[in-house]
PDB file of N, CA and C in Angstrom:
ATOM      1  N   UNK A   1     106.030 107.304  83.413  1.00  0.00           N
ATOM      2  CA  UNK A   1     106.320 106.519  84.584  1.00  0.00           C
ATOM      3  C   UNK A   1     105.214 106.748  85.617  1.00  0.00           C
ATOM      4  N   UNK A   2     104.643 105.657  86.125  1.00  0.00           N
ATOM      5  CA  UNK A   2     103.560 105.754  87.098  1.00  0.00           C
ATOM      6  C   UNK A   2     104.102 106.130  88.471  1.00  0.00           C
ATOM      7  N   UNK A   3     103.345 106.975  89.124  1.00  0.00           N
ATOM      8  CA  UNK A   3     103.725 107.408  90.453  1.00  0.00           C
ATOM      9  C   UNK A   3     103.283 106.355  91.472  1.00  0.00           C
ATOM     10  N   UNK A   4     104.161 106.001  92.392  1.00  0.00           N
ATOM     11  CA  UNK A   4     103.827 105.013  93.417  1.00  0.00           C
ATOM     12  C   UNK A   4     102.952 105.664  94.477  1.00  0.00           C
ATOM     13  N   UNK A   5     101.875 105.000  94.803  1.00  0.00           N
ATOM     14  CA  UNK A   5     100.971 105.501  95.833  1.00  0.00           C
ATOM     15  C   UNK A   5     101.105 104.604  97.061  1.00  0.00           C
ATOM     16  N   UNK A   6     101.372 105.214  98.195  1.00  0.00           N
ATOM     17  CA  UNK A   6     101.489 104.457  99.436  1.00  0.00           C
ATOM     18  C   UNK A   6     100.323 104.823 100.348  1.00  0.00           C
ATOM     19  N   UNK A   7      99.754 103.813 100.904  1.00  0.00           N
ATOM     20  CA  UNK A   7      98.669 104.031 101.841  1.00  0.00           C
ATOM     21  C   UNK A   7      99.216 103.862 103.248  1.00  0.00           C
ATOM     22  N   UNK A   8      99.008 104.843 104.074  1.00  0.00           N
ATOM     23  CA  UNK A   8      99.441 104.768 105.460  1.00  0.00           C
ATOM     24  C   UNK A   8      98.226 104.403 106.289  1.00  0.00           C
ATOM     25  N   UNK A   9      98.315 103.257 106.929  1.00  0.00           N
ATOM     26  CA  UNK A   9      97.212 102.808 107.773  1.00  0.00           C
ATOM     27  C   UNK A   9      97.437 103.282 109.206  1.00  0.00           C
ATOM     28  N   UNK A  10      96.370 103.617 109.889  1.00  0.00           N
ATOM     29  CA  UNK A  10      96.536 104.027 111.290  1.00  0.00           C
ATOM     30  C   UNK A  10      97.002 102.831 112.111  1.00  0.00           C
ATOM     31  N   UNK A  11      97.713 103.087 113.206  1.00  0.00           N
ATOM     32  CA  UNK A  11      98.132 101.968 114.047  1.00  0.00           C
ATOM     33  C   UNK A  11      96.905 101.231 114.584  1.00  0.00           C
ATOM     34  N   UNK A  12      97.066  99.961 114.812  1.00  0.00           N
ATOM     35  CA  UNK A  12      95.962  99.152 115.321  1.00  0.00           C
ATOM     36  C   UNK A  12      95.529  99.666 116.687  1.00  0.00           C
ATOM     37  N   UNK A  13      94.249  99.778 116.858  1.00  0.00           N
ATOM     38  CA  UNK A  13      93.715 100.159 118.156  1.00  0.00           C
ATOM     39  C   UNK A  13      93.495  98.875 118.938  1.00  0.00           C
ATOM     40  N   UNK A  14      94.148  98.783 120.046  1.00  0.00           N
ATOM     41  CA  UNK A  14      94.078  97.571 120.844  1.00  0.00           C
ATOM     42  C   UNK A  14      92.951  97.685 121.859  1.00  0.00           C
ATOM     43  N   UNK A  15      92.079  96.710 121.895  1.00  0.00           N
ATOM     44  CA  UNK A  15      91.010  96.722 122.892  1.00  0.00           C
ATOM     45  C   UNK A  15      91.521  96.183 124.230  1.00  0.00           C
ATOM     46  N   UNK A  16      90.745  96.366 125.289  1.00  0.00           N
ATOM     47  CA  UNK A  16      91.117  95.741 126.554  1.00  0.00           C
ATOM     48  C   UNK A  16      91.111  94.221 126.395  1.00  0.00           C
ATOM     49  N   UNK A  17      92.016  93.563 127.068  1.00  0.00           N
ATOM     50  CA  UNK A  17      92.097  92.102 127.022  1.00  0.00           C
ATOM     51  C   UNK A  17      91.039  91.506 127.954  1.00  0.00           C
ATOM     52  N   UNK A  18      90.233  90.599 127.428  1.00  0.00           N
ATOM     53  CA  UNK A  18      89.182  89.960 128.224  1.00  0.00           C
ATOM     54  C   UNK A  18      89.743  89.084 129.336  1.00  0.00           C
ATOM     55  N   UNK A  19      91.006  88.702 129.224  1.00  0.00           N
ATOM     56  CA  UNK A  19      91.621  87.865 130.248  1.00  0.00           C
ATOM     57  C   UNK A  19      91.570  88.479 131.636  1.00  0.00           C
ATOM     58  N   UNK A  20      91.625  89.794 131.718  1.00  0.00           N
ATOM     59  CA  UNK A  20      91.584  90.453 133.023  1.00  0.00           C
ATOM     60  C   UNK A  20      90.209  90.351 133.684  1.00  0.00           C
ATOM     61  N   UNK A  21      89.222  89.968 132.917  1.00  0.00           N
ATOM     62  CA  UNK A  21      87.874  89.783 133.448  1.00  0.00           C
ATOM     63  C   UNK A  21      87.459  88.304 133.486  1.00  0.00           C
ATOM     64  N   UNK A  22      88.017  87.501 132.574  1.00  0.00           N
ATOM     65  CA  UNK A  22      87.468  86.164 132.349  1.00  0.00           C
ATOM     66  C   UNK A  22      88.340  84.975 132.732  1.00  0.00           C
ATOM     67  N   UNK A  23      89.648  85.144 132.827  1.00  0.00           N
ATOM     68  CA  UNK A  23      90.486  83.953 132.954  1.00  0.00           C
ATOM     69  C   UNK A  23      91.529  84.034 134.061  1.00  0.00           C
ATOM     70  N   UNK A  24      91.119  83.879 135.301  1.00  0.00           N
ATOM     71  CA  UNK A  24      92.154  83.764 136.341  1.00  0.00           C
ATOM     72  C   UNK A  24      92.904  82.455 136.118  1.00  0.00           C
ATOM     73  N   UNK A  25      94.202  82.523 136.106  1.00  0.00           N
ATOM     74  CA  UNK A  25      95.035  81.342 135.908  1.00  0.00           C
ATOM     75  C   UNK A  25      95.694  81.007 137.241  1.00  0.00           C
ATOM     76  N   UNK A  26      95.312  79.868 137.817  1.00  0.00           N
ATOM     77  CA  UNK A  26      95.856  79.446 139.101  1.00  0.00           C
ATOM     78  C   UNK A  26      96.887  78.351 138.845  1.00  0.00           C
ATOM     79  N   UNK A  27      98.106  78.604 139.268  1.00  0.00           N
ATOM     80  CA  UNK A  27      99.189  77.646 139.093  1.00  0.00           C
ATOM     81  C   UNK A  27      99.133  76.572 140.192  1.00  0.00           C
ATOM     82  N   UNK A  28      99.880  75.499 140.032  1.00  0.00           N
ATOM     83  CA  UNK A  28      99.834  74.400 140.997  1.00  0.00           C
ATOM     84  C   UNK A  28     100.291  74.822 142.395  1.00  0.00           C
ATOM     85  N   UNK A  29     101.113  75.851 142.489  1.00  0.00           N
ATOM     86  CA  UNK A  29     101.562  76.320 143.805  1.00  0.00           C
ATOM     87  C   UNK A  29     100.617  77.370 144.397  1.00  0.00           C
ATOM     88  N   UNK A  30      99.535  77.699 143.675  1.00  0.00           N
ATOM     89  CA  UNK A  30      98.557  78.665 144.163  1.00  0.00           C
ATOM     90  C   UNK A  30      98.699  80.066 143.616  1.00  0.00           C
ATOM     91  N   UNK A  31      99.800  80.358 142.913  1.00  0.00           N
ATOM     92  CA  UNK A  31      99.977  81.690 142.335  1.00  0.00           C
ATOM     93  C   UNK A  31      98.891  81.945 141.298  1.00  0.00           C
ATOM     94  N   UNK A  32      98.411  83.190 141.270  1.00  0.00           N
ATOM     95  CA  UNK A  32      97.349  83.585 140.340  1.00  0.00           C
ATOM     96  C   UNK A  32      97.883  84.668 139.418  1.00  0.00           C
ATOM     97  N   UNK A  33      97.653  84.472 138.122  1.00  0.00           N
ATOM     98  CA  UNK A  33      97.979  85.479 137.118  1.00  0.00           C
ATOM     99  C   UNK A  33      96.732  85.705 136.269  1.00  0.00           C
ATOM    100  N   UNK A  34      96.742  86.757 135.484  1.00  0.00           N
ATOM    101  CA  UNK A  34      95.566  87.092 134.677  1.00  0.00           C
ATOM    102  C   UNK A  34      95.681  86.639 133.237  1.00  0.00           C
ATOM    103  N   UNK A  35      96.812  86.018 132.887  1.00  0.00           N
ATOM    104  CA  UNK A  35      97.072  85.755 131.484  1.00  0.00           C
ATOM    105  C   UNK A  35      97.501  84.317 131.250  1.00  0.00           C
ATOM    106  N   UNK A  36      96.875  83.685 130.275  1.00  0.00           N
ATOM    107  CA  UNK A  36      97.227  82.303 129.928  1.00  0.00           C
ATOM    108  C   UNK A  36      98.601  82.198 129.296  1.00  0.00           C
ATOM    109  N   UNK A  37      99.171  83.302 128.830  1.00  0.00           N
ATOM    110  CA  UNK A  37     100.495  83.300 128.220  1.00  0.00           C
ATOM    111  C   UNK A  37     101.605  83.677 129.200  1.00  0.00           C
ATOM    112  N   UNK A  38     101.240  83.977 130.416  1.00  0.00           N
ATOM    113  CA  UNK A  38     102.174  84.489 131.421  1.00  0.00           C
ATOM    114  C   UNK A  38     102.877  83.340 132.146  1.00  0.00           C
ATOM    115  N   UNK A  39     103.720  82.613 131.431  1.00  0.00           N
ATOM    116  CA  UNK A  39     104.360  81.434 131.998  1.00  0.00           C
ATOM    117  C   UNK A  39     105.377  81.751 133.088  1.00  0.00           C
ATOM    118  N   UNK A  40     105.887  82.978 133.131  1.00  0.00           N
ATOM    119  CA  UNK A  40     106.863  83.349 134.152  1.00  0.00           C
ATOM    120  C   UNK A  40     106.238  84.164 135.289  1.00  0.00           C
ATOM    121  N   UNK A  41     104.918  84.229 135.299  1.00  0.00           N
ATOM    122  CA  UNK A  41     104.154  84.910 136.354  1.00  0.00           C
ATOM    123  C   UNK A  41     104.538  86.383 136.522  1.00  0.00           C
ATOM    124  N   UNK A  42     104.775  87.055 135.417  1.00  0.00           N
ATOM    125  CA  UNK A  42     105.067  88.488 135.472  1.00  0.00           C
ATOM    126  C   UNK A  42     103.850  89.282 135.951  1.00  0.00           C
ATOM    127  N   UNK A  43     102.656  88.767 135.656  1.00  0.00           N
ATOM    128  CA  UNK A  43     101.421  89.444 136.052  1.00  0.00           C
ATOM    129  C   UNK A  43     100.783  88.781 137.269  1.00  0.00           C
ATOM    130  N   UNK A  44     101.600  88.229 138.131  1.00  0.00           N
ATOM    131  CA  UNK A  44     101.082  87.580 139.339  1.00  0.00           C
ATOM    132  C   UNK A  44     100.341  88.611 140.190  1.00  0.00           C
ATOM    133  N   UNK A  45      99.137  88.246 140.601  1.00  0.00           N
ATOM    134  CA  UNK A  45      98.335  89.171 141.412  1.00  0.00           C
ATOM    135  C   UNK A  45      98.032  88.623 142.800  1.00  0.00           C
ATOM    136  N   UNK A  46      98.499  87.435 143.106  1.00  0.00           N
ATOM    137  CA  UNK A  46      98.276  86.876 144.435  1.00  0.00           C
ATOM    138  C   UNK A  46      98.489  85.382 144.451  1.00  0.00           C
ATOM    139  N   UNK A  47      98.146  84.785 145.586  1.00  0.00           N
ATOM    140  CA  UNK A  47      98.270  83.343 145.756  1.00  0.00           C
ATOM    141  C   UNK A  47      97.069  82.868 146.566  1.00  0.00           C
ATOM    142  N   UNK A  48      96.394  81.841 146.062  1.00  0.00           N
ATOM    143  CA  UNK A  48      95.180  81.343 146.722  1.00  0.00           C
ATOM    144  C   UNK A  48      95.462  80.672 148.061  1.00  0.00           C
ATOM    145  N   UNK A  49      96.717  80.370 148.350  1.00  0.00           N
ATOM    146  CA  UNK A  49      97.054  79.834 149.668  1.00  0.00           C
ATOM    147  C   UNK A  49      97.062  80.925 150.731  1.00  0.00           C
ATOM    148  N   UNK A  50      97.161  82.182 150.287  1.00  0.00           N
ATOM    149  CA  UNK A  50      97.183  83.325 151.197  1.00  0.00           C
ATOM    150  C   UNK A  50      95.866  84.098 151.210  1.00  0.00           C
ATOM    151  N   UNK A  51      95.220  84.170 150.053  1.00  0.00           N
ATOM    152  CA  UNK A  51      94.015  84.986 149.881  1.00  0.00           C
ATOM    153  C   UNK A  51      93.031  84.221 148.994  1.00  0.00           C
ATOM    154  N   UNK A  52      91.750  84.182 149.352  1.00  0.00           N
ATOM    155  CA  UNK A  52      90.772  83.493 148.497  1.00  0.00           C
ATOM    156  C   UNK A  52      90.749  84.097 147.084  1.00  0.00           C
ATOM    157  N   UNK A  53      90.533  83.233 146.099  1.00  0.00           N
ATOM    158  CA  UNK A  53      90.525  83.669 144.704  1.00  0.00           C
ATOM    159  C   UNK A  53      89.544  84.814 144.469  1.00  0.00           C
ATOM    160  N   UNK A  54      88.366  84.752 145.074  1.00  0.00           N
ATOM    161  CA  UNK A  54      87.382  85.819 144.891  1.00  0.00           C
ATOM    162  C   UNK A  54      87.902  87.172 145.323  1.00  0.00           C
ATOM    163  N   UNK A  55      88.655  87.199 146.422  1.00  0.00           N
ATOM    164  CA  UNK A  55      89.230  88.464 146.897  1.00  0.00           C
ATOM    165  C   UNK A  55      90.333  88.956 145.965  1.00  0.00           C
ATOM    166  N   UNK A  56      91.151  88.029 145.487  1.00  0.00           N
ATOM    167  CA  UNK A  56      92.216  88.408 144.542  1.00  0.00           C
ATOM    168  C   UNK A  56      91.588  88.977 143.274  1.00  0.00           C
ATOM    169  N   UNK A  57      90.590  88.271 142.736  1.00  0.00           N
ATOM    170  CA  UNK A  57      89.991  88.620 141.442  1.00  0.00           C
ATOM    171  C   UNK A  57      89.184  89.910 141.515  1.00  0.00           C
ATOM    172  N   UNK A  58      88.685  90.249 142.682  1.00  0.00           N
ATOM    173  CA  UNK A  58      87.900  91.475 142.842  1.00  0.00           C
ATOM    174  C   UNK A  58      88.689  92.559 143.563  1.00  0.00           C
ATOM    175  N   UNK A  59      90.000  92.371 143.676  1.00  0.00           N
ATOM    176  CA  UNK A  59      90.821  93.297 144.442  1.00  0.00           C
ATOM    177  C   UNK A  59      91.195  94.573 143.728  1.00  0.00           C
ATOM    178  N   UNK A  60      91.710  95.524 144.495  1.00  0.00           N
ATOM    179  CA  UNK A  60      92.052  96.839 143.942  1.00  0.00           C
ATOM    180  C   UNK A  60      93.183  96.811 142.918  1.00  0.00           C
ATOM    181  N   UNK A  61      94.140  95.907 143.067  1.00  0.00           N
ATOM    182  CA  UNK A  61      95.236  95.850 142.094  1.00  0.00           C
ATOM    183  C   UNK A  61      94.711  95.472 140.713  1.00  0.00           C
ATOM    184  N   UNK A  62      93.886  94.447 140.658  1.00  0.00           N
ATOM    185  CA  UNK A  62      93.353  94.025 139.367  1.00  0.00           C
ATOM    186  C   UNK A  62      92.380  95.063 138.808  1.00  0.00           C
ATOM    187  N   UNK A  63      91.614  95.718 139.669  1.00  0.00           N
ATOM    188  CA  UNK A  63      90.735  96.781 139.178  1.00  0.00           C
ATOM    189  C   UNK A  63      91.541  97.925 138.563  1.00  0.00           C
ATOM    190  N   UNK A  64      92.690  98.244 139.159  1.00  0.00           N
ATOM    191  CA  UNK A  64      93.546  99.294 138.593  1.00  0.00           C
ATOM    192  C   UNK A  64      94.068  98.867 137.224  1.00  0.00           C
ATOM    193  N   UNK A  65      94.454  97.601 137.084  1.00  0.00           N
ATOM    194  CA  UNK A  65      94.925  97.093 135.792  1.00  0.00           C
ATOM    195  C   UNK A  65      93.792  97.095 134.775  1.00  0.00           C
ATOM    196  N   UNK A  66      92.599  96.705 135.210  1.00  0.00           N
ATOM    197  CA  UNK A  66      91.445  96.701 134.299  1.00  0.00           C
ATOM    198  C   UNK A  66      91.157  98.112 133.801  1.00  0.00           C
ATOM    199  N   UNK A  67      91.176  99.071 134.714  1.00  0.00           N
ATOM    200  CA  UNK A  67      90.928 100.461 134.330  1.00  0.00           C
ATOM    201  C   UNK A  67      91.978 100.934 133.333  1.00  0.00           C
ATOM    202  N   UNK A  68      93.233 100.584 133.566  1.00  0.00           N
ATOM    203  CA  UNK A  68      94.290 100.961 132.636  1.00  0.00           C
ATOM    204  C   UNK A  68      94.015 100.371 131.249  1.00  0.00           C
ATOM    205  N   UNK A  69      93.553  99.122 131.185  1.00  0.00           N
ATOM    206  CA  UNK A  69      93.236  98.503 129.894  1.00  0.00           C
ATOM    207  C   UNK A  69      92.075  99.222 129.213  1.00  0.00           C
ATOM    208  N   UNK A  70      91.025  99.498 129.957  1.00  0.00           N
ATOM    209  CA  UNK A  70      89.851 100.164 129.389  1.00  0.00           C
ATOM    210  C   UNK A  70      90.231 101.542 128.838  1.00  0.00           C
ATOM    211  N   UNK A  71      91.177 102.200 129.492  1.00  0.00           N
ATOM    212  CA  UNK A  71      91.606 103.533 129.060  1.00  0.00           C
ATOM    213  C   UNK A  71      92.773 103.491 128.072  1.00  0.00           C
ATOM    214  N   UNK A  72      93.206 102.277 127.683  1.00  0.00           N
ATOM    215  CA  UNK A  72      94.276 102.156 126.699  1.00  0.00           C
ATOM    216  C   UNK A  72      95.671 102.388 127.247  1.00  0.00           C
ATOM    217  N   UNK A  73      95.823 102.347 128.563  1.00  0.00           N
ATOM    218  CA  UNK A  73      97.121 102.570 129.209  1.00  0.00           C
ATOM    219  C   UNK A  73      97.739 101.209 129.574  1.00  0.00           C
ATOM    220  N   UNK A  74      98.081 100.418 128.584  1.00  0.00           N
ATOM    221  CA  UNK A  74      98.518  99.047 128.812  1.00  0.00           C
ATOM    222  C   UNK A  74      99.812  98.965 129.607  1.00  0.00           C
ATOM    223  N   UNK A  75     100.670  99.952 129.483  1.00  0.00           N
ATOM    224  CA  UNK A  75     101.915  99.984 130.241  1.00  0.00           C
ATOM    225  C   UNK A  75     101.709 100.187 131.728  1.00  0.00           C
ATOM    226  N   UNK A  76     100.517 100.586 132.124  1.00  0.00           N
ATOM    227  CA  UNK A  76     100.205 100.796 133.539  1.00  0.00           C
ATOM    228  C   UNK A  76      99.438  99.618 134.137  1.00  0.00           C
ATOM    229  N   UNK A  77      99.318  98.560 133.361  1.00  0.00           N
ATOM    230  CA  UNK A  77      98.683  97.349 133.889  1.00  0.00           C
ATOM    231  C   UNK A  77      99.787  96.330 134.156  1.00  0.00           C
ATOM    232  N   UNK A  78      99.484  95.075 134.063  1.00  0.00           N
ATOM    233  CA  UNK A  78     100.480  94.054 134.351  1.00  0.00           C
ATOM    234  C   UNK A  78     101.720  94.199 133.492  1.00  0.00           C
ATOM    235  N   UNK A  79     102.892  93.864 134.040  1.00  0.00           N
ATOM    236  CA  UNK A  79     104.147  94.016 133.303  1.00  0.00           C
ATOM    237  C   UNK A  79     104.166  93.278 131.961  1.00  0.00           C
ATOM    238  N   UNK A  80     103.462  92.179 131.854  1.00  0.00           N
ATOM    239  CA  UNK A  80     103.466  91.397 130.623  1.00  0.00           C
ATOM    240  C   UNK A  80     102.527  91.986 129.565  1.00  0.00           C
ATOM    241  N   UNK A  81     101.610  92.834 129.962  1.00  0.00           N
ATOM    242  CA  UNK A  81     100.557  93.320 129.065  1.00  0.00           C
ATOM    243  C   UNK A  81     101.074  94.060 127.837  1.00  0.00           C
ATOM    244  N   UNK A  82     102.177  94.753 127.941  1.00  0.00           N
ATOM    245  CA  UNK A  82     102.677  95.503 126.786  1.00  0.00           C
ATOM    246  C   UNK A  82     103.277  94.594 125.720  1.00  0.00           C
ATOM    247  N   UNK A  83     103.602  93.354 126.067  1.00  0.00           N
ATOM    248  CA  UNK A  83     104.211  92.423 125.115  1.00  0.00           C
ATOM    249  C   UNK A  83     103.289  91.276 124.737  1.00  0.00           C
ATOM    250  N   UNK A  84     102.099  91.262 125.250  1.00  0.00           N
ATOM    251  CA  UNK A  84     101.191  90.127 125.102  1.00  0.00           C
ATOM    252  C   UNK A  84     100.459  90.134 123.763  1.00  0.00           C
ATOM    253  N   UNK A  85     100.168  88.945 123.280  1.00  0.00           N
ATOM    254  CA  UNK A  85      99.271  88.788 122.138  1.00  0.00           C
ATOM    255  C   UNK A  85      97.859  88.682 122.719  1.00  0.00           C
ATOM    256  N   UNK A  86      97.219  89.796 122.929  1.00  0.00           N
ATOM    257  CA  UNK A  86      95.915  89.833 123.601  1.00  0.00           C
ATOM    258  C   UNK A  86      94.863  88.995 122.888  1.00  0.00           C
ATOM    259  N   UNK A  87      95.091  88.670 121.647  1.00  0.00           N
ATOM    260  CA  UNK A  87      94.099  87.892 120.899  1.00  0.00           C
ATOM    261  C   UNK A  87      93.891  86.496 121.491  1.00  0.00           C
ATOM    262  N   UNK A  88      94.861  86.002 122.249  1.00  0.00           N
ATOM    263  CA  UNK A  88      94.722  84.675 122.861  1.00  0.00           C
ATOM    264  C   UNK A  88      93.520  84.626 123.801  1.00  0.00           C
ATOM    265  N   UNK A  89      93.346  85.649 124.603  1.00  0.00           N
ATOM    266  CA  UNK A  89      92.209  85.702 125.532  1.00  0.00           C
ATOM    267  C   UNK A  89      91.003  86.371 124.891  1.00  0.00           C
ATOM    268  N   UNK A  90      91.231  87.142 123.846  1.00  0.00           N
ATOM    269  CA  UNK A  90      90.143  87.852 123.186  1.00  0.00           C
ATOM    270  C   UNK A  90      89.991  89.261 123.721  1.00  0.00           C
ATOM    271  N   UNK A  91      89.184  90.004 123.031  1.00  0.00           N
ATOM    272  CA  UNK A  91      88.949  91.402 123.387  1.00  0.00           C
ATOM    273  C   UNK A  91      87.721  91.522 124.278  1.00  0.00           C
ATOM    274  N   UNK A  92      87.798  92.432 125.212  1.00  0.00           N
ATOM    275  CA  UNK A  92      86.625  92.772 126.003  1.00  0.00           C
ATOM    276  C   UNK A  92      85.764  93.690 125.142  1.00  0.00           C
ATOM    277  N   UNK A  93      84.492  93.381 125.034  1.00  0.00           N
ATOM    278  CA  UNK A  93      83.626  94.189 124.171  1.00  0.00           C
ATOM    279  C   UNK A  93      83.448  95.591 124.761  1.00  0.00           C
ATOM    280  N   UNK A  94      83.204  96.571 123.911  1.00  0.00           N
ATOM    281  CA  UNK A  94      82.950  97.922 124.416  1.00  0.00           C
ATOM    282  C   UNK A  94      81.774  97.964 125.395  1.00  0.00           C
ATOM    283  N   UNK A  95      80.749  97.151 125.156  1.00  0.00           N
ATOM    284  CA  UNK A  95      79.591  97.132 126.061  1.00  0.00           C
ATOM    285  C   UNK A  95      79.984  96.622 127.442  1.00  0.00           C
ATOM    286  N   UNK A  96      80.773  95.545 127.492  1.00  0.00           N
ATOM    287  CA  UNK A  96      81.217  95.019 128.789  1.00  0.00           C
ATOM    288  C   UNK A  96      82.140  96.004 129.491  1.00  0.00           C
ATOM    289  N   UNK A  97      83.002  96.677 128.731  1.00  0.00           N
ATOM    290  CA  UNK A  97      83.897  97.669 129.322  1.00  0.00           C
ATOM    291  C   UNK A  97      83.096  98.809 129.937  1.00  0.00           C
ATOM    292  N   UNK A  98      82.084  99.284 129.234  1.00  0.00           N
ATOM    293  CA  UNK A  98      81.243 100.373 129.744  1.00  0.00           C
ATOM    294  C   UNK A  98      80.463  99.928 130.986  1.00  0.00           C
ATOM    295  N   UNK A  99      79.956  98.716 130.963  1.00  0.00           N
ATOM    296  CA  UNK A  99      79.222  98.180 132.118  1.00  0.00           C
ATOM    297  C   UNK A  99      80.140  98.080 133.334  1.00  0.00           C
ATOM    298  N   UNK A 100      81.347  97.581 133.114  1.00  0.00           N
ATOM    299  CA  UNK A 100      82.306  97.454 134.213  1.00  0.00           C
ATOM    300  C   UNK A 100      82.672  98.822 134.776  1.00  0.00           C
ATOM    301  N   UNK A 101      82.934  99.793 133.895  1.00  0.00           N
ATOM    302  CA  UNK A 101      83.283 101.145 134.361  1.00  0.00           C
ATOM    303  C   UNK A 101      82.163 101.762 135.181  1.00  0.00           C
ATOM    304  N   UNK A 102      80.923 101.521 134.774  1.00  0.00           N
ATOM    305  CA  UNK A 102      79.777 102.060 135.517  1.00  0.00           C
ATOM    306  C   UNK A 102      79.742 101.477 136.936  1.00  0.00           C
ATOM    307  N   UNK A 103      80.017 100.188 137.059  1.00  0.00           N
ATOM    308  CA  UNK A 103      80.052  99.558 138.386  1.00  0.00           C
ATOM    309  C   UNK A 103      81.235 100.048 139.210  1.00  0.00           C
ATOM    310  N   UNK A 104      82.350 100.326 138.545  1.00  0.00           N
ATOM    311  CA  UNK A 104      83.563 100.748 139.234  1.00  0.00           C
ATOM    312  C   UNK A 104      83.436 102.139 139.850  1.00  0.00           C
ATOM    313  N   UNK A 105      82.647 102.975 139.258  1.00  0.00           N
ATOM    314  CA  UNK A 105      82.559 104.367 139.721  1.00  0.00           C
ATOM    315  C   UNK A 105      82.275 104.473 141.207  1.00  0.00           C
ATOM    316  N   UNK A 106      81.488 103.589 141.748  1.00  0.00           N
ATOM    317  CA  UNK A 106      81.158 103.630 143.165  1.00  0.00           C
ATOM    318  C   UNK A 106      82.255 103.116 144.066  1.00  0.00           C
ATOM    319  N   UNK A 107      83.289 102.485 143.496  1.00  0.00           N
ATOM    320  CA  UNK A 107      84.350 101.895 144.314  1.00  0.00           C
ATOM    321  C   UNK A 107      85.723 102.440 143.956  1.00  0.00           C
ATOM    322  N   UNK A 108      85.793 103.551 143.250  1.00  0.00           N
ATOM    323  CA  UNK A 108      87.070 104.033 142.727  1.00  0.00           C
ATOM    324  C   UNK A 108      88.070 104.375 143.821  1.00  0.00           C
ATOM    325  N   UNK A 109      87.617 104.649 145.036  1.00  0.00           N
ATOM    326  CA  UNK A 109      88.567 105.009 146.101  1.00  0.00           C
ATOM    327  C   UNK A 109      89.410 103.818 146.536  1.00  0.00           C
ATOM    328  N   UNK A 110      89.015 102.585 146.185  1.00  0.00           N
ATOM    329  CA  UNK A 110      89.781 101.412 146.624  1.00  0.00           C
ATOM    330  C   UNK A 110      90.809 100.964 145.605  1.00  0.00           C
ATOM    331  N   UNK A 111      90.894 101.623 144.468  1.00  0.00           N
ATOM    332  CA  UNK A 111      91.829 101.196 143.419  1.00  0.00           C
ATOM    333  C   UNK A 111      93.236 101.688 143.746  1.00  0.00           C
ATOM    334  N   UNK A 112      94.181 100.754 143.634  1.00  0.00           N
ATOM    335  CA  UNK A 112      95.587 101.111 143.805  1.00  0.00           C
ATOM    336  C   UNK A 112      96.384 100.452 142.698  1.00  0.00           C
ATOM    337  N   UNK A 113      97.545 100.990 142.394  1.00  0.00           N
ATOM    338  CA  UNK A 113      98.369 100.492 141.309  1.00  0.00           C
ATOM    339  C   UNK A 113      99.193  99.328 141.609  1.00  0.00           C
TER     340      UNK A 113
END
């Protein structure tokens, strides 16, 4: 009788989602989220009627979420991030993540959760 061999694969390593860098989603009422799949605005980060998009997109809240993604702490980023199919927006490349982290080092005191 042949012995059954089972291969245990390591869990998938999830990269940072490029959506946090590339795809601000502005709804018709001005609400901004970071995810094209976030239809209920769980990851809402602001509203363009209150704050310019550039300020929202470069703000400390989103930088904190980006840092959490780069460090693999998805539960500490947007509420929807732990359930998202990140493949929709694509992965942030390791080179872009490293470049972003290098730029962030000089502004780390402004990051808030």
